Amino acid sequence: MKGSWKYLYRAVDKADNTIDFLFRAKRDKAAARRFFDKAIAKNGAPETVTIDKSGSNLAALNAVNAEREMPITVRQIKYLNNIVEQDHRAIKRRIRPMLGFKDFNCACVILSGIELMHMIKKGQMKCSGKTPPSAAQQFYSLAS
């Protein structure tokens, strides 16, 4: 964004479902901690978390584990993080033609929409009824 890096935190489970995402200006312990707290509050605590070699992610998970009775197992294995990276590829494919963003708030809104459509496409939206609506119908039901 305007030549500076911003960070999209993403969590994906084994079934390739998006757990949560958070777009932040900094990649530090506070941002990582906020992301993990948000994801755990919405979806419950996982048994194991696989992260990249980021020190801020490890520090945040160590802080989360310090407050828990049952600690979360942390794995920092480059190749096991491929599930997140492969799921992240869909977002990169959408953003690349845009040539980046000019405004942080605009980027937040656009990335949220891209993530939402990606979750709908993967079938993560729960729908009641006999026949599931199409992705476009699901999106329009949210927009109205």
N, C-alpha and C. Protein backbone atom coordinates (compact mmCIF):
# COMPACT_ATOMS: atom_id res chain seq x y z
N MET A 1 0.83 -1.15 0.00
CA MET A 1 0.00 0.00 0.00
C MET A 1 0.89 1.24 0.00
N LYS A 2 0.82 1.99 -1.05
CA LYS A 2 1.67 3.17 -1.23
C LYS A 2 3.14 2.83 -1.02
N GLY A 3 3.54 1.65 -1.42
CA GLY A 3 4.94 1.24 -1.32
C GLY A 3 5.36 0.69 0.01
N SER A 4 4.46 0.60 0.99
CA SER A 4 4.82 0.04 2.29
C SER A 4 4.03 -1.26 2.52
N TRP A 5 4.61 -2.15 3.29
CA TRP A 5 4.00 -3.44 3.56
C TRP A 5 2.96 -3.33 4.65
N LYS A 6 1.85 -4.05 4.46
CA LYS A 6 0.83 -4.25 5.48
C LYS A 6 0.62 -5.75 5.56
N TYR A 7 -0.02 -6.22 6.60
CA TYR A 7 -0.04 -7.66 6.86
C TYR A 7 -1.46 -8.19 7.00
N LEU A 8 -1.73 -9.27 6.28
CA LEU A 8 -3.01 -9.95 6.34
C LEU A 8 -2.80 -11.25 7.10
N TYR A 9 -3.31 -11.29 8.31
CA TYR A 9 -3.26 -12.51 9.12
C TYR A 9 -4.43 -13.38 8.70
N ARG A 10 -4.17 -14.67 8.50
CA ARG A 10 -5.22 -15.61 8.09
C ARG A 10 -5.06 -16.91 8.85
N ALA A 11 -6.19 -17.52 9.19
CA ALA A 11 -6.19 -18.84 9.83
C ALA A 11 -7.07 -19.77 9.00
N VAL A 12 -6.54 -20.95 8.71
CA VAL A 12 -7.24 -21.95 7.91
C VAL A 12 -7.14 -23.28 8.64
N ASP A 13 -8.24 -24.05 8.65
CA ASP A 13 -8.19 -25.37 9.30
C ASP A 13 -7.75 -26.44 8.31
N LYS A 14 -7.71 -27.69 8.79
CA LYS A 14 -7.24 -28.80 7.95
C LYS A 14 -8.14 -29.03 6.74
N ALA A 15 -9.43 -28.71 6.87
CA ALA A 15 -10.37 -28.92 5.77
C ALA A 15 -10.38 -27.75 4.79
N ASP A 16 -9.41 -26.84 4.89
CA ASP A 16 -9.26 -25.69 4.01
C ASP A 16 -10.35 -24.65 4.20
N ASN A 17 -11.01 -24.66 5.35
CA ASN A 17 -12.00 -23.64 5.67
C ASN A 17 -11.31 -22.46 6.33
N THR A 18 -11.71 -21.26 5.95
CA THR A 18 -11.14 -20.06 6.55
C THR A 18 -11.72 -19.89 7.94
N ILE A 19 -10.85 -19.82 8.93
CA ILE A 19 -11.28 -19.62 10.31
C ILE A 19 -11.49 -18.14 10.58
N ASP A 20 -10.48 -17.34 10.28
CA ASP A 20 -10.55 -15.91 10.54
C ASP A 20 -9.47 -15.19 9.76
N PHE A 21 -9.60 -13.88 9.65
CA PHE A 21 -8.59 -13.06 9.00
C PHE A 21 -8.59 -11.69 9.65
N LEU A 22 -7.46 -11.01 9.56
CA LEU A 22 -7.31 -9.68 10.14
C LEU A 22 -6.24 -8.93 9.37
N PHE A 23 -6.54 -7.73 8.92
CA PHE A 23 -5.61 -6.90 8.17
C PHE A 23 -5.06 -5.84 9.12
N ARG A 24 -3.73 -5.82 9.26
CA ARG A 24 -3.09 -4.91 10.20
C ARG A 24 -1.95 -4.14 9.52
N ALA A 25 -1.64 -2.99 10.08
CA ALA A 25 -0.57 -2.16 9.54
C ALA A 25 0.80 -2.67 9.96
N LYS A 26 0.88 -3.30 11.13
CA LYS A 26 2.17 -3.77 11.64
C LYS A 26 2.14 -5.27 11.88
N ARG A 27 3.31 -5.86 11.79
CA ARG A 27 3.45 -7.29 12.11
C ARG A 27 4.27 -7.37 13.39
N ASP A 28 3.57 -7.18 14.51
CA ASP A 28 4.22 -7.22 15.80
C ASP A 28 3.42 -8.12 16.74
N LYS A 29 3.90 -8.25 17.96
CA LYS A 29 3.28 -9.14 18.93
C LYS A 29 1.84 -8.72 19.24
N ALA A 30 1.60 -7.42 19.35
CA ALA A 30 0.26 -6.93 19.68
C ALA A 30 -0.75 -7.28 18.57
N ALA A 31 -0.35 -7.10 17.32
CA ALA A 31 -1.24 -7.43 16.20
C ALA A 31 -1.51 -8.93 16.14
N ALA A 32 -0.46 -9.73 16.31
CA ALA A 32 -0.63 -11.18 16.28
C ALA A 32 -1.49 -11.65 17.45
N ARG A 33 -1.29 -11.05 18.61
CA ARG A 33 -2.09 -11.42 19.79
C ARG A 33 -3.56 -11.09 19.57
N ARG A 34 -3.83 -9.93 18.98
CA ARG A 34 -5.21 -9.55 18.70
C ARG A 34 -5.86 -10.55 17.74
N PHE A 35 -5.10 -10.96 16.72
CA PHE A 35 -5.63 -11.93 15.77
C PHE A 35 -5.94 -13.27 16.44
N PHE A 36 -5.01 -13.78 17.24
CA PHE A 36 -5.23 -15.07 17.90
C PHE A 36 -6.38 -15.00 18.89
N ASP A 37 -6.48 -13.91 19.65
CA ASP A 37 -7.58 -13.76 20.60
C ASP A 37 -8.92 -13.72 19.87
N LYS A 38 -8.96 -13.00 18.73
CA LYS A 38 -10.19 -12.90 17.95
C LYS A 38 -10.59 -14.27 17.38
N ALA A 39 -9.63 -14.99 16.84
CA ALA A 39 -9.92 -16.30 16.24
C ALA A 39 -10.35 -17.32 17.30
N ILE A 40 -9.70 -17.30 18.46
CA ILE A 40 -10.05 -18.24 19.53
C ILE A 40 -11.41 -17.90 20.11
N ALA A 41 -11.73 -16.62 20.25
CA ALA A 41 -13.03 -16.22 20.78
C ALA A 41 -14.18 -16.66 19.87
N LYS A 42 -13.98 -16.58 18.56
CA LYS A 42 -15.03 -16.96 17.62
C LYS A 42 -15.16 -18.46 17.42
N ASN A 43 -14.03 -19.18 17.42
CA ASN A 43 -14.04 -20.59 16.99
C ASN A 43 -13.57 -21.58 18.05
N GLY A 44 -13.17 -21.11 19.21
CA GLY A 44 -12.65 -22.01 20.22
C GLY A 44 -11.15 -22.23 20.03
N ALA A 45 -10.54 -22.75 21.06
CA ALA A 45 -9.08 -22.94 21.03
C ALA A 45 -8.71 -24.21 20.26
N PRO A 46 -7.75 -24.12 19.38
CA PRO A 46 -7.29 -25.31 18.66
C PRO A 46 -6.31 -26.11 19.52
N GLU A 47 -6.08 -27.34 19.14
CA GLU A 47 -5.08 -28.15 19.84
C GLU A 47 -3.68 -27.79 19.36
N THR A 48 -3.54 -27.57 18.04
CA THR A 48 -2.25 -27.30 17.43
C THR A 48 -2.37 -26.13 16.46
N VAL A 49 -1.35 -25.29 16.44
CA VAL A 49 -1.29 -24.18 15.50
C VAL A 49 0.03 -24.28 14.75
N THR A 50 -0.04 -24.20 13.43
CA THR A 50 1.16 -24.19 12.60
C THR A 50 1.34 -22.79 12.07
N ILE A 51 2.51 -22.20 12.31
CA ILE A 51 2.78 -20.83 11.90
C ILE A 51 4.08 -20.79 11.10
N ASP A 52 4.31 -19.63 10.48
CA ASP A 52 5.57 -19.44 9.78
C ASP A 52 6.66 -19.08 10.79
N LYS A 53 7.81 -18.69 10.31
CA LYS A 53 8.95 -18.41 11.20
C LYS A 53 8.90 -17.02 11.83
N SER A 54 7.75 -16.39 11.82
CA SER A 54 7.62 -15.05 12.39
C SER A 54 7.78 -15.09 13.91
N GLY A 55 8.64 -14.26 14.42
CA GLY A 55 8.85 -14.18 15.87
C GLY A 55 7.66 -13.56 16.59
N SER A 56 6.94 -12.65 15.91
CA SER A 56 5.79 -12.02 16.55
C SER A 56 4.65 -13.02 16.76
N ASN A 57 4.44 -13.92 15.80
CA ASN A 57 3.41 -14.94 15.97
C ASN A 57 3.76 -15.87 17.13
N LEU A 58 5.02 -16.27 17.21
CA LEU A 58 5.45 -17.16 18.29
C LEU A 58 5.31 -16.47 19.64
N ALA A 59 5.71 -15.21 19.74
CA ALA A 59 5.59 -14.46 21.00
C ALA A 59 4.13 -14.31 21.42
N ALA A 60 3.26 -14.05 20.46
CA ALA A 60 1.83 -13.90 20.78
C ALA A 60 1.24 -15.23 21.25
N LEU A 61 1.59 -16.33 20.59
CA LEU A 61 1.07 -17.63 21.03
C LEU A 61 1.63 -18.03 22.39
N ASN A 62 2.89 -17.69 22.66
CA ASN A 62 3.44 -17.95 23.99
C ASN A 62 2.70 -17.15 25.05
N ALA A 63 2.30 -15.92 24.74
CA ALA A 63 1.53 -15.11 25.67
C ALA A 63 0.13 -15.69 25.89
N VAL A 64 -0.48 -16.20 24.82
CA VAL A 64 -1.79 -16.85 24.94
C VAL A 64 -1.66 -18.11 25.79
N ASN A 65 -0.62 -18.90 25.55
CA ASN A 65 -0.42 -20.14 26.31
C ASN A 65 -0.14 -19.88 27.78
N ALA A 66 0.47 -18.75 28.10
CA ALA A 66 0.78 -18.43 29.50
C ALA A 66 -0.49 -18.25 30.32
N GLU A 67 -1.59 -17.89 29.69
CA GLU A 67 -2.85 -17.66 30.38
C GLU A 67 -3.78 -18.87 30.36
N ARG A 68 -3.39 -19.95 29.72
CA ARG A 68 -4.26 -21.12 29.56
C ARG A 68 -3.78 -22.29 30.41
N GLU A 69 -4.75 -23.12 30.82
CA GLU A 69 -4.40 -24.35 31.53
C GLU A 69 -3.85 -25.39 30.56
N MET A 70 -4.56 -25.57 29.43
CA MET A 70 -4.12 -26.50 28.39
C MET A 70 -3.46 -25.69 27.30
N PRO A 71 -2.13 -25.73 27.20
CA PRO A 71 -1.47 -24.90 26.19
C PRO A 71 -1.72 -25.41 24.77
N ILE A 72 -1.69 -24.49 23.85
CA ILE A 72 -1.82 -24.81 22.42
C ILE A 72 -0.44 -25.21 21.91
N THR A 73 -0.37 -26.34 21.22
CA THR A 73 0.89 -26.79 20.65
C THR A 73 1.22 -25.90 19.45
N VAL A 74 2.43 -25.36 19.43
CA VAL A 74 2.86 -24.46 18.36
C VAL A 74 3.90 -25.18 17.51
N ARG A 75 3.65 -25.23 16.20
CA ARG A 75 4.61 -25.82 15.26
C ARG A 75 5.06 -24.74 14.29
N GLN A 76 6.35 -24.54 14.21
CA GLN A 76 6.92 -23.60 13.24
C GLN A 76 7.64 -24.38 12.17
N ILE A 77 6.87 -25.01 11.31
CA ILE A 77 7.43 -25.84 10.25
C ILE A 77 7.00 -25.23 8.92
N LYS A 78 7.96 -24.83 8.14
CA LYS A 78 7.72 -24.10 6.90
C LYS A 78 6.77 -24.83 5.97
N TYR A 79 6.95 -26.12 5.78
CA TYR A 79 6.18 -26.85 4.79
C TYR A 79 4.77 -27.19 5.25
N LEU A 80 4.54 -27.27 6.56
CA LEU A 80 3.20 -27.52 7.06
C LEU A 80 2.33 -26.28 6.98
N ASN A 81 2.93 -25.14 6.75
CA ASN A 81 2.20 -23.88 6.61
C ASN A 81 1.65 -23.72 5.19
N ASN A 82 1.86 -24.68 4.31
CA ASN A 82 1.45 -24.57 2.92
C ASN A 82 -0.07 -24.48 2.75
N ILE A 83 -0.85 -25.04 3.67
CA ILE A 83 -2.31 -24.97 3.57
C ILE A 83 -2.75 -23.51 3.59
N VAL A 84 -2.16 -22.73 4.49
CA VAL A 84 -2.50 -21.30 4.57
C VAL A 84 -2.02 -20.58 3.31
N GLU A 85 -0.82 -20.89 2.87
CA GLU A 85 -0.26 -20.22 1.70
C GLU A 85 -1.05 -20.53 0.44
N GLN A 86 -1.52 -21.76 0.28
CA GLN A 86 -2.31 -22.12 -0.89
C GLN A 86 -3.67 -21.42 -0.87
N ASP A 87 -4.27 -21.30 0.31
CA ASP A 87 -5.54 -20.62 0.42
C ASP A 87 -5.34 -19.12 0.20
N HIS A 88 -4.20 -18.60 0.57
CA HIS A 88 -3.88 -17.18 0.41
C HIS A 88 -3.66 -16.82 -1.06
N ARG A 89 -3.37 -17.81 -1.89
CA ARG A 89 -3.11 -17.56 -3.30
C ARG A 89 -4.32 -16.95 -4.00
N ALA A 90 -5.53 -17.32 -3.60
CA ALA A 90 -6.74 -16.77 -4.22
C ALA A 90 -6.84 -15.27 -3.98
N ILE A 91 -6.42 -14.81 -2.83
CA ILE A 91 -6.45 -13.38 -2.53
C ILE A 91 -5.39 -12.66 -3.34
N LYS A 92 -4.20 -13.23 -3.42
CA LYS A 92 -3.13 -12.62 -4.20
C LYS A 92 -3.52 -12.49 -5.67
N ARG A 93 -4.23 -13.48 -6.18
CA ARG A 93 -4.65 -13.46 -7.58
C ARG A 93 -5.61 -12.29 -7.84
N ARG A 94 -6.44 -11.96 -6.87
CA ARG A 94 -7.39 -10.85 -7.03
C ARG A 94 -6.71 -9.49 -6.86
N ILE A 95 -5.73 -9.41 -5.98
CA ILE A 95 -5.11 -8.13 -5.65
C ILE A 95 -4.07 -7.71 -6.68
N ARG A 96 -3.34 -8.65 -7.25
CA ARG A 96 -2.25 -8.31 -8.17
C ARG A 96 -2.68 -7.38 -9.31
N PRO A 97 -3.81 -7.61 -9.99
CA PRO A 97 -4.20 -6.69 -11.07
C PRO A 97 -4.55 -5.28 -10.57
N MET A 98 -4.86 -5.15 -9.29
CA MET A 98 -5.20 -3.83 -8.73
C MET A 98 -3.97 -2.95 -8.54
N LEU A 99 -2.78 -3.54 -8.59
CA LEU A 99 -1.52 -2.83 -8.40
C LEU A 99 -1.43 -2.18 -7.02
N GLY A 100 -1.99 -2.84 -6.03
CA GLY A 100 -1.89 -2.36 -4.66
C GLY A 100 -3.03 -1.44 -4.28
N PHE A 101 -3.00 -1.00 -3.04
CA PHE A 101 -4.04 -0.13 -2.50
C PHE A 101 -3.43 1.22 -2.15
N LYS A 102 -4.26 2.24 -2.13
CA LYS A 102 -3.80 3.58 -1.78
C LYS A 102 -4.19 3.96 -0.34
N ASP A 103 -5.24 3.33 0.19
CA ASP A 103 -5.76 3.71 1.49
C ASP A 103 -5.95 2.46 2.35
N PHE A 104 -5.58 2.53 3.63
CA PHE A 104 -5.67 1.38 4.52
C PHE A 104 -7.12 0.95 4.73
N ASN A 105 -8.02 1.92 4.96
CA ASN A 105 -9.43 1.58 5.20
C ASN A 105 -10.07 0.96 3.96
N CYS A 106 -9.73 1.47 2.80
CA CYS A 106 -10.22 0.90 1.55
C CYS A 106 -9.72 -0.54 1.39
N ALA A 107 -8.46 -0.76 1.72
CA ALA A 107 -7.89 -2.11 1.63
C ALA A 107 -8.60 -3.06 2.59
N CYS A 108 -8.94 -2.60 3.79
CA CYS A 108 -9.67 -3.44 4.75
C CYS A 108 -11.01 -3.89 4.19
N VAL A 109 -11.75 -2.96 3.61
CA VAL A 109 -13.07 -3.27 3.06
C VAL A 109 -12.96 -4.22 1.88
N ILE A 110 -12.06 -3.96 0.97
CA ILE A 110 -11.90 -4.80 -0.22
C ILE A 110 -11.44 -6.20 0.17
N LEU A 111 -10.47 -6.29 1.07
CA LEU A 111 -9.99 -7.61 1.50
C LEU A 111 -11.07 -8.39 2.24
N SER A 112 -11.89 -7.71 3.03
CA SER A 112 -13.00 -8.39 3.70
C SER A 112 -13.98 -8.96 2.68
N GLY A 113 -14.28 -8.19 1.64
CA GLY A 113 -15.16 -8.68 0.58
C GLY A 113 -14.57 -9.86 -0.16
N ILE A 114 -13.28 -9.80 -0.47
CA ILE A 114 -12.61 -10.91 -1.16
C ILE A 114 -12.64 -12.16 -0.28
N GLU A 115 -12.34 -11.99 1.00
CA GLU A 115 -12.36 -13.13 1.93
C GLU A 115 -13.77 -13.71 2.04
N LEU A 116 -14.77 -12.84 2.12
CA LEU A 116 -16.16 -13.30 2.21
C LEU A 116 -16.56 -14.10 0.98
N MET A 117 -16.24 -13.58 -0.20
CA MET A 117 -16.59 -14.31 -1.43
C MET A 117 -15.84 -15.64 -1.51
N HIS A 118 -14.59 -15.66 -1.05
CA HIS A 118 -13.82 -16.89 -1.05
C HIS A 118 -14.44 -17.92 -0.11
N MET A 119 -14.94 -17.46 1.05
CA MET A 119 -15.59 -18.36 2.00
C MET A 119 -16.91 -18.89 1.43
N ILE A 120 -17.66 -18.04 0.75
CA ILE A 120 -18.91 -18.48 0.12
C ILE A 120 -18.61 -19.51 -0.96
N LYS A 121 -17.58 -19.23 -1.77
CA LYS A 121 -17.20 -20.14 -2.85
C LYS A 121 -16.80 -21.52 -2.31
N LYS A 122 -16.16 -21.53 -1.14
CA LYS A 122 -15.75 -22.80 -0.53
C LYS A 122 -16.91 -23.50 0.18
N GLY A 123 -18.09 -22.87 0.22
CA GLY A 123 -19.26 -23.49 0.83
C GLY A 123 -19.30 -23.38 2.34
N GLN A 124 -18.70 -22.37 2.89
CA GLN A 124 -18.66 -22.22 4.34
C GLN A 124 -19.88 -21.51 4.92
N MET A 125 -20.70 -20.91 4.09
CA MET A 125 -21.87 -20.20 4.58
C MET A 125 -23.00 -21.19 4.80
N LYS A 126 -23.54 -21.20 6.00
CA LYS A 126 -24.63 -22.12 6.34
C LYS A 126 -25.94 -21.57 5.80
N CYS A 127 -26.68 -22.42 5.08
CA CYS A 127 -27.94 -22.00 4.48
C CYS A 127 -29.03 -22.98 4.87
N SER A 128 -30.18 -22.44 5.24
CA SER A 128 -31.32 -23.30 5.55
C SER A 128 -32.15 -23.48 4.29
N GLY A 129 -32.75 -24.61 4.17
CA GLY A 129 -33.56 -24.88 2.98
C GLY A 129 -33.09 -26.15 2.29
N LYS A 130 -33.92 -26.61 1.36
CA LYS A 130 -33.61 -27.86 0.68
C LYS A 130 -32.53 -27.69 -0.37
N THR A 131 -32.65 -26.68 -1.20
CA THR A 131 -31.64 -26.47 -2.24
C THR A 131 -30.76 -25.28 -1.84
N PRO A 132 -29.47 -25.49 -1.78
CA PRO A 132 -28.60 -24.37 -1.40
C PRO A 132 -28.57 -23.30 -2.49
N PRO A 133 -28.60 -22.04 -2.10
CA PRO A 133 -28.55 -20.97 -3.10
C PRO A 133 -27.17 -20.88 -3.74
N SER A 134 -27.13 -20.24 -4.89
CA SER A 134 -25.85 -20.05 -5.58
C SER A 134 -25.00 -19.05 -4.79
N ALA A 135 -23.73 -18.95 -5.17
CA ALA A 135 -22.83 -18.00 -4.52
C ALA A 135 -23.32 -16.58 -4.67
N ALA A 136 -23.84 -16.24 -5.86
CA ALA A 136 -24.35 -14.89 -6.09
C ALA A 136 -25.57 -14.61 -5.22
N GLN A 137 -26.46 -15.59 -5.08
CA GLN A 137 -27.64 -15.40 -4.24
C GLN A 137 -27.24 -15.25 -2.77
N GLN A 138 -26.24 -15.99 -2.34
CA GLN A 138 -25.77 -15.86 -0.96
C GLN A 138 -25.19 -14.47 -0.73
N PHE A 139 -24.41 -13.98 -1.69
CA PHE A 139 -23.83 -12.65 -1.56
C PHE A 139 -24.90 -11.58 -1.53
N TYR A 140 -25.90 -11.67 -2.42
CA TYR A 140 -26.96 -10.68 -2.46
C TYR A 140 -27.78 -10.70 -1.18
N SER A 141 -27.95 -11.89 -0.58
CA SER A 141 -28.72 -11.97 0.68
C SER A 141 -27.96 -11.25 1.80
N LEU A 142 -26.64 -11.27 1.75
CA LEU A 142 -25.86 -10.55 2.74
C LEU A 142 -25.86 -9.05 2.49
N ALA A 143 -25.86 -8.66 1.21
CA ALA A 143 -25.78 -7.25 0.84
C ALA A 143 -27.11 -6.52 1.08
N SER A 144 -28.21 -7.23 1.08
CA SER A 144 -29.50 -6.55 1.24
C SER A 144 -29.92 -6.44 2.68
